[in-house]
Amino acid sequence: MKKILMVLTSHRLDCFKLCMDLLVRGGSIRFFDRVVLLLNGVAGRHLRYVQALKTDHPDVPWDTIAGPRGRGLLVSNLQNECVRRYPDSLYFKIDEDTFVSADWPQKLLAAYEAHRQDPARSLITPVIPNNGLGCHYLLTAFPELAAEYKQRFNAPLTPAVDGPVWINGRIAEWITRKFLNLDEANGRLCARPAPTFQKFARRFSINCVCYDYRHWQEIGGVPEHDEIGWGDWIVEHGKFAVLVTDALVHHYSFFVQQDWLDRTPLLEDLRRANLPATLSAKSLAGYHLPRWVRIGRQLPHVLKRRLGRLFRAP
């Protein structure tokens, strides 16, 4: 069975560069028989980077599928076209702001093989600190972190997809920083005497998932509203997903976390922790300037909100 990697990218070139650097420099990109870049409205500098990436790494079996920018069908159509182009395969899908370890596909493949013959098996996913499922697992796996979480944030401990970590960028940054270095984080998880796989049946964030052609056929293709549709379908049809508890990957931000995280140097610190040769020092141009640019992009929206409040005030 061929292994197909889909990387969905739209507008965060800064995140996409780190995503691809980790795939290429970590070596995991060579695990796949085909690497398909799903271009959701990619243009300009972002598109030029995609073209340069393919030129710089001719040994990688690239493919691209492009469509207009947007959500819903505009995203699911890209994934479905990829599956139709490469049927009877095993599919690994990540987003542009997903940052992976060197051995992440092998661990997801092991989980798939362990449940391959089970007709109730649907999706495979790793531990992702800033989503509800992953944060809940880490806080229950490391009680000292749960105690700090309660003290700092006084928030409930829940695996809900829209729980505190999804809503609160401060929580997302905090838990991500606890596992900043991917090699060290995965070492901590592997050292725990815990089951490698956990079955569950609920909606979860699908920034990094693995599924096969059989599952794609039985669900009728990736749903229009992929995360919601997939989550509802799994529950309604008595299926289960698998959490791979010894595989941790990072996801940068959900839209509700993004403004807060973009005001922090988390993205640069993730690069420094995992690819120090590409950003070894806290230089002005490499470390501080990107954050200032992100903050600058937020200023018009901040001023608009504050002026709106001012004029609405009695």
Protein backbone atom coordinates (compact mmCIF):
# COMPACT_ATOMS: atom_id res chain seq x y z
CA MET A 1 0.00 0.00 0.00
CA LYS A 2 1.44 3.34 -1.04
CA LYS A 3 1.81 6.07 1.57
CA ILE A 4 0.62 9.52 0.54
CA LEU A 5 1.35 12.71 2.47
CA MET A 6 -1.01 15.66 2.01
CA VAL A 7 0.12 19.07 3.26
CA LEU A 8 -2.66 21.65 3.23
CA THR A 9 -1.41 25.23 2.91
CA SER A 10 -3.21 28.51 2.35
CA HIS A 11 -1.84 31.76 3.80
CA ARG A 12 0.69 31.17 6.61
CA LEU A 13 3.97 31.01 4.71
CA ASP A 14 5.92 31.43 7.96
CA CYS A 15 4.31 28.31 9.41
CA PHE A 16 4.52 26.40 6.14
CA LYS A 17 8.28 27.01 5.95
CA LEU A 18 8.81 25.52 9.41
CA CYS A 19 6.48 22.63 8.59
CA MET A 20 8.44 21.78 5.45
CA ASP A 21 11.84 22.33 7.05
CA LEU A 22 10.99 19.78 9.73
CA LEU A 23 9.72 17.30 7.16
CA VAL A 24 12.78 17.69 4.93
CA ARG A 25 15.56 18.14 7.50
CA GLY A 26 14.07 15.54 9.83
CA GLY A 27 13.92 13.05 6.97
CA SER A 28 10.32 11.94 7.43
CA ILE A 29 9.36 13.30 4.01
CA ARG A 30 11.25 10.38 2.44
CA PHE A 31 8.94 7.90 4.16
CA PHE A 32 6.23 8.71 1.63
CA ASP A 33 5.67 7.46 -1.90
CA ARG A 34 4.11 10.79 -2.85
CA VAL A 35 4.04 14.23 -1.22
CA VAL A 36 1.02 16.21 -2.36
CA LEU A 37 0.84 19.92 -1.59
CA LEU A 38 -2.79 21.03 -1.36
CA LEU A 39 -2.72 24.70 -2.36
CA ASN A 40 -5.74 26.55 -1.00
CA GLY A 41 -5.57 29.91 -2.77
CA VAL A 42 -1.77 30.02 -2.68
CA ALA A 43 -0.28 32.87 -4.74
CA GLY A 44 2.59 35.36 -4.89
CA ARG A 45 5.55 34.82 -2.57
CA HIS A 46 3.94 31.72 -1.10
CA LEU A 47 3.58 30.10 -4.52
CA ARG A 48 7.15 31.02 -5.45
CA TYR A 49 8.32 29.27 -2.28
CA VAL A 50 6.37 26.13 -3.26
CA GLN A 51 8.01 26.15 -6.69
CA ALA A 52 11.47 26.66 -5.20
CA LEU A 53 10.87 23.86 -2.70
CA LYS A 54 10.19 21.40 -5.49
CA THR A 55 13.24 22.60 -7.43
CA ASP A 56 15.54 22.41 -4.41
CA HIS A 57 14.46 18.85 -3.54
CA PRO A 58 14.05 16.99 -6.85
CA ASP A 59 14.43 13.64 -5.07
CA VAL A 60 11.07 14.12 -3.33
CA PRO A 61 8.11 12.74 -5.36
CA TRP A 62 6.08 15.97 -5.37
CA ASP A 63 2.62 16.65 -6.65
CA THR A 64 0.36 19.68 -6.25
CA ILE A 65 -3.39 20.15 -6.30
CA ALA A 66 -4.55 23.75 -6.37
CA GLY A 67 -7.87 25.44 -5.75
CA PRO A 68 -9.31 28.79 -4.66
CA ARG A 69 -8.92 30.10 -1.11
CA GLY A 70 -11.66 29.21 1.34
CA ARG A 71 -13.00 26.66 3.79
CA GLY A 72 -15.62 23.92 3.64
CA LEU A 73 -15.80 22.30 0.22
CA LEU A 74 -12.80 24.28 -0.99
CA VAL A 75 -10.67 22.34 1.51
CA SER A 76 -12.36 18.94 1.38
CA ASN A 77 -12.37 18.98 -2.44
CA LEU A 78 -8.56 19.23 -2.45
CA GLN A 79 -8.25 16.19 -0.18
CA ASN A 80 -10.83 14.20 -2.12
CA GLU A 81 -9.09 14.96 -5.41
CA CYS A 82 -5.84 13.68 -3.89
CA VAL A 83 -7.47 10.40 -2.86
CA ARG A 84 -9.04 9.99 -6.29
CA ARG A 85 -5.65 10.64 -7.88
CA TYR A 86 -3.94 8.06 -5.63
CA PRO A 87 -6.52 5.37 -4.75
CA ASP A 88 -5.92 2.28 -2.60
CA SER A 89 -3.35 4.10 -0.46
CA LEU A 90 -2.71 5.12 3.13
CA TYR A 91 -3.14 8.87 3.58
CA PHE A 92 -1.40 11.15 6.05
CA LYS A 93 -2.79 14.69 6.14
CA ILE A 94 -1.25 17.63 7.99
CA ASP A 95 -1.89 21.37 7.99
CA GLU A 96 0.66 24.06 7.15
CA ASP A 97 1.11 24.89 10.85
CA THR A 98 1.72 21.30 11.96
CA PHE A 99 5.28 20.58 13.07
CA VAL A 100 6.39 16.95 13.18
CA SER A 101 9.14 14.78 14.62
CA ALA A 102 11.42 12.58 12.53
CA ASP A 103 9.55 9.34 13.28
CA TRP A 104 5.94 10.53 13.35
CA PRO A 105 4.76 8.58 10.26
CA GLN A 106 6.23 5.30 11.49
CA LYS A 107 4.32 5.65 14.75
CA LEU A 108 1.04 6.43 13.01
CA LEU A 109 1.65 3.53 10.62
CA ALA A 110 2.19 1.18 13.59
CA ALA A 111 -1.15 2.29 15.04
CA TYR A 112 -2.84 1.74 11.69
CA GLU A 113 -1.37 -1.75 11.31
CA ALA A 114 -2.48 -2.66 14.84
CA HIS A 115 -6.10 -1.78 13.96
CA ARG A 116 -6.05 -2.42 10.23
CA GLN A 117 -8.50 -5.33 10.25
CA ASP A 118 -11.01 -3.73 12.62
CA PRO A 119 -14.02 -2.55 10.58
CA ALA A 120 -14.79 0.09 13.23
CA ARG A 121 -11.43 1.85 12.82
CA SER A 122 -11.58 5.32 11.29
CA LEU A 123 -8.85 7.93 11.91
CA ILE A 124 -5.41 7.76 13.52
CA THR A 125 -4.04 10.87 15.24
CA PRO A 126 -1.01 11.75 17.41
CA VAL A 127 -0.92 13.77 20.63
CA ILE A 128 -1.16 17.48 19.79
CA PRO A 129 -0.63 19.72 22.85
CA ASN A 130 -2.81 22.67 21.83
CA ASN A 131 -6.00 20.76 21.03
CA GLY A 132 -8.48 19.44 23.56
CA LEU A 133 -7.70 15.76 23.05
CA GLY A 134 -3.92 16.14 23.22
CA CYS A 135 -3.89 18.63 26.08
CA HIS A 136 -6.19 16.39 28.13
CA TYR A 137 -3.96 13.38 27.51
CA LEU A 138 -0.81 15.24 28.54
CA LEU A 139 -2.37 16.67 31.69
CA THR A 140 -3.63 13.25 32.77
CA ALA A 141 -0.32 11.59 31.85
CA PHE A 142 1.71 14.13 33.85
CA PRO A 143 -0.16 14.98 37.08
CA GLU A 144 2.31 17.71 38.00
CA LEU A 145 1.25 19.58 34.86
CA ALA A 146 -2.42 19.13 35.75
CA ALA A 147 -1.75 20.70 39.14
CA GLU A 148 0.04 23.67 37.54
CA TYR A 149 -2.77 24.00 34.98
CA LYS A 150 -5.37 24.20 37.76
CA GLN A 151 -3.31 26.73 39.69
CA ARG A 152 -2.55 28.95 36.69
CA PHE A 153 -5.83 28.85 34.80
CA ASN A 154 -8.47 27.38 37.14
CA ALA A 155 -10.06 25.72 34.11
CA PRO A 156 -11.76 22.33 33.78
CA LEU A 157 -9.78 19.34 32.56
CA THR A 158 -11.64 18.09 29.48
CA PRO A 159 -10.89 16.51 26.09
CA ALA A 160 -13.65 18.56 24.44
CA VAL A 161 -12.71 19.97 21.04
CA ASP A 162 -13.84 23.45 22.14
CA GLY A 163 -12.44 23.27 25.67
CA PRO A 164 -10.24 25.78 27.50
CA VAL A 165 -7.05 25.13 25.53
CA TRP A 166 -8.85 25.81 22.24
CA ILE A 167 -10.41 29.03 23.53
CA ASN A 168 -7.48 30.44 25.48
CA GLY A 169 -4.25 31.23 23.65
CA ARG A 170 -2.41 31.54 26.96
CA ILE A 171 -3.18 27.92 27.79
CA ALA A 172 -2.18 26.84 24.28
CA GLU A 173 1.17 28.62 24.57
CA TRP A 174 1.79 27.24 28.06
CA ILE A 175 1.19 23.58 27.18
CA THR A 176 3.12 23.86 23.91
CA ARG A 177 6.14 25.28 25.72
CA LYS A 178 6.08 22.36 28.17
CA PHE A 179 6.87 20.09 25.21
CA LEU A 180 8.70 22.52 22.92
CA ASN A 181 11.46 20.18 21.72
CA LEU A 182 9.86 17.37 19.74
CA ASP A 183 12.60 14.80 20.35
CA GLU A 184 12.56 15.39 24.09
CA ALA A 185 8.76 15.42 24.21
CA ASN A 186 8.47 12.13 22.36
CA GLY A 187 11.14 10.65 24.60
CA ARG A 188 9.09 11.59 27.66
CA LEU A 189 5.99 9.95 26.21
CA CYS A 190 7.84 6.79 25.19
CA ALA A 191 9.34 6.46 28.68
CA ARG A 192 5.91 6.28 30.30
CA PRO A 193 4.54 2.80 31.08
CA ALA A 194 1.25 3.44 29.29
CA PRO A 195 -0.69 1.82 26.43
CA THR A 196 0.57 3.04 23.08
CA PHE A 197 -2.91 3.34 21.58
CA GLN A 198 -6.13 4.75 23.00
CA LYS A 199 -9.46 4.28 21.25
CA PHE A 200 -12.01 7.08 21.45
CA ALA A 201 -15.20 8.20 19.71
CA ARG A 202 -15.78 11.94 19.74
CA ARG A 203 -15.14 14.96 17.58
CA PHE A 204 -11.53 16.12 17.68
CA SER A 205 -9.20 18.49 15.83
CA ILE A 206 -7.89 16.93 12.62
CA ASN A 207 -4.69 18.90 12.01
CA CYS A 208 -2.76 15.62 11.71
CA VAL A 209 -4.61 12.43 10.77
CA CYS A 210 -4.05 9.14 9.00
CA TYR A 211 -6.70 7.07 7.21
CA ASP A 212 -6.97 4.51 4.45
CA TYR A 213 -8.90 4.15 1.22
CA ARG A 214 -11.46 1.83 2.80
CA HIS A 215 -12.41 4.47 5.34
CA TRP A 216 -12.56 7.20 2.68
CA GLN A 217 -14.96 5.05 0.66
CA GLU A 218 -17.23 4.18 3.57
CA ILE A 219 -17.58 7.80 4.69
CA GLY A 220 -18.23 8.88 1.10
CA GLY A 221 -15.18 11.12 0.88
CA VAL A 222 -13.90 13.85 3.18
CA PRO A 223 -17.03 15.72 4.36
CA GLU A 224 -17.71 19.32 3.38
CA HIS A 225 -17.09 20.51 6.94
CA ASP A 226 -14.28 18.06 7.48
CA GLU A 227 -13.73 18.16 11.24
CA ILE A 228 -17.40 18.43 12.23
CA GLY A 229 -18.58 16.00 9.58
CA TRP A 230 -15.93 13.42 10.42
CA GLY A 231 -16.56 13.68 14.17
CA ASP A 232 -20.32 13.33 13.79
CA TRP A 233 -19.96 10.41 11.38
CA ILE A 234 -17.62 8.48 13.69
CA VAL A 235 -20.06 8.71 16.59
CA GLU A 236 -23.23 8.09 14.55
CA HIS A 237 -21.81 4.99 12.87
CA GLY A 238 -20.29 3.36 15.95
CA LYS A 239 -16.70 3.80 14.80
CA PHE A 240 -13.61 4.74 16.78
CA ALA A 241 -10.47 6.79 16.23
CA VAL A 242 -7.04 6.00 17.69
CA LEU A 243 -4.83 8.34 19.70
CA VAL A 244 -1.16 7.37 19.35
CA THR A 245 0.11 8.18 22.82
CA ASP A 246 3.84 7.90 22.08
CA ALA A 247 3.73 10.30 19.13
CA LEU A 248 3.63 14.05 19.75
CA VAL A 249 3.50 16.70 17.04
CA HIS A 250 2.88 20.42 17.41
CA HIS A 251 0.13 22.52 15.89
CA TYR A 252 0.69 26.27 16.02
CA SER A 253 -2.75 27.80 16.39
CA PHE A 254 -6.50 27.67 15.96
CA PHE A 255 -8.15 30.91 14.88
CA VAL A 256 -9.30 31.71 18.41
CA GLN A 257 -5.72 31.34 19.71
CA GLN A 258 -3.98 33.03 16.81
CA ASP A 259 -3.97 36.70 17.83
CA TRP A 260 -2.45 35.89 21.21
CA LEU A 261 0.12 33.43 19.86
CA ASP A 262 1.17 35.77 17.06
CA ARG A 263 2.06 38.37 19.68
CA THR A 264 4.46 35.89 21.28
CA PRO A 265 7.74 34.45 19.93
CA LEU A 266 6.35 30.89 20.11
CA LEU A 267 6.82 30.24 16.40
CA GLU A 268 10.47 31.32 16.55
CA ASP A 269 11.04 29.33 19.74
CA LEU A 270 9.62 26.20 18.10
CA ARG A 271 12.13 26.65 15.29
CA ARG A 272 15.04 27.31 17.68
CA ALA A 273 14.16 24.25 19.78
CA ASN A 274 13.81 21.84 16.87
CA LEU A 275 16.00 23.28 14.09
CA PRO A 276 18.66 25.32 15.92
CA ALA A 277 20.91 25.45 12.85
CA THR A 278 18.27 27.56 11.09
CA LEU A 279 17.78 30.04 13.95
CA SER A 280 20.48 29.62 16.56
CA ALA A 281 20.44 33.10 18.10
CA LYS A 282 17.87 35.70 19.10
CA SER A 283 18.92 38.03 16.32
CA LEU A 284 16.95 41.09 15.32
CA ALA A 285 16.15 39.95 11.78
CA GLY A 286 15.58 36.25 12.40
CA TYR A 287 14.00 36.20 15.84
CA HIS A 288 12.41 39.55 16.76
CA LEU A 289 11.39 41.06 13.42
CA PRO A 290 8.90 38.33 12.38
CA ARG A 291 7.01 38.77 15.64
CA TRP A 292 6.88 42.56 15.21
CA VAL A 293 5.51 42.07 11.70
CA ARG A 294 2.76 39.79 13.05
CA ILE A 295 1.88 42.36 15.71
CA GLY A 296 1.86 45.12 13.10
CA ARG A 297 -0.70 43.21 11.04
CA GLN A 298 -3.02 43.12 14.05
CA LEU A 299 -2.87 46.86 14.75
CA PRO A 300 -5.54 47.98 12.23
CA HIS A 301 -8.04 45.49 13.67
CA VAL A 302 -7.19 46.49 17.25
CA LEU A 303 -7.63 50.20 16.47
CA LYS A 304 -10.92 49.52 14.68
CA ARG A 305 -12.29 47.61 17.67
CA ARG A 306 -11.22 50.27 20.15
CA LEU A 307 -12.62 53.11 18.08
CA GLY A 308 -15.87 51.20 17.75
CA ARG A 309 -16.11 50.85 21.52
CA LEU A 310 -15.30 54.53 21.97
CA PHE A 311 -18.10 55.68 19.66
CA ARG A 312 -20.59 53.23 21.19
CA ALA A 313 -19.86 54.43 24.72
CA PRO A 314 -22.60 56.63 26.29
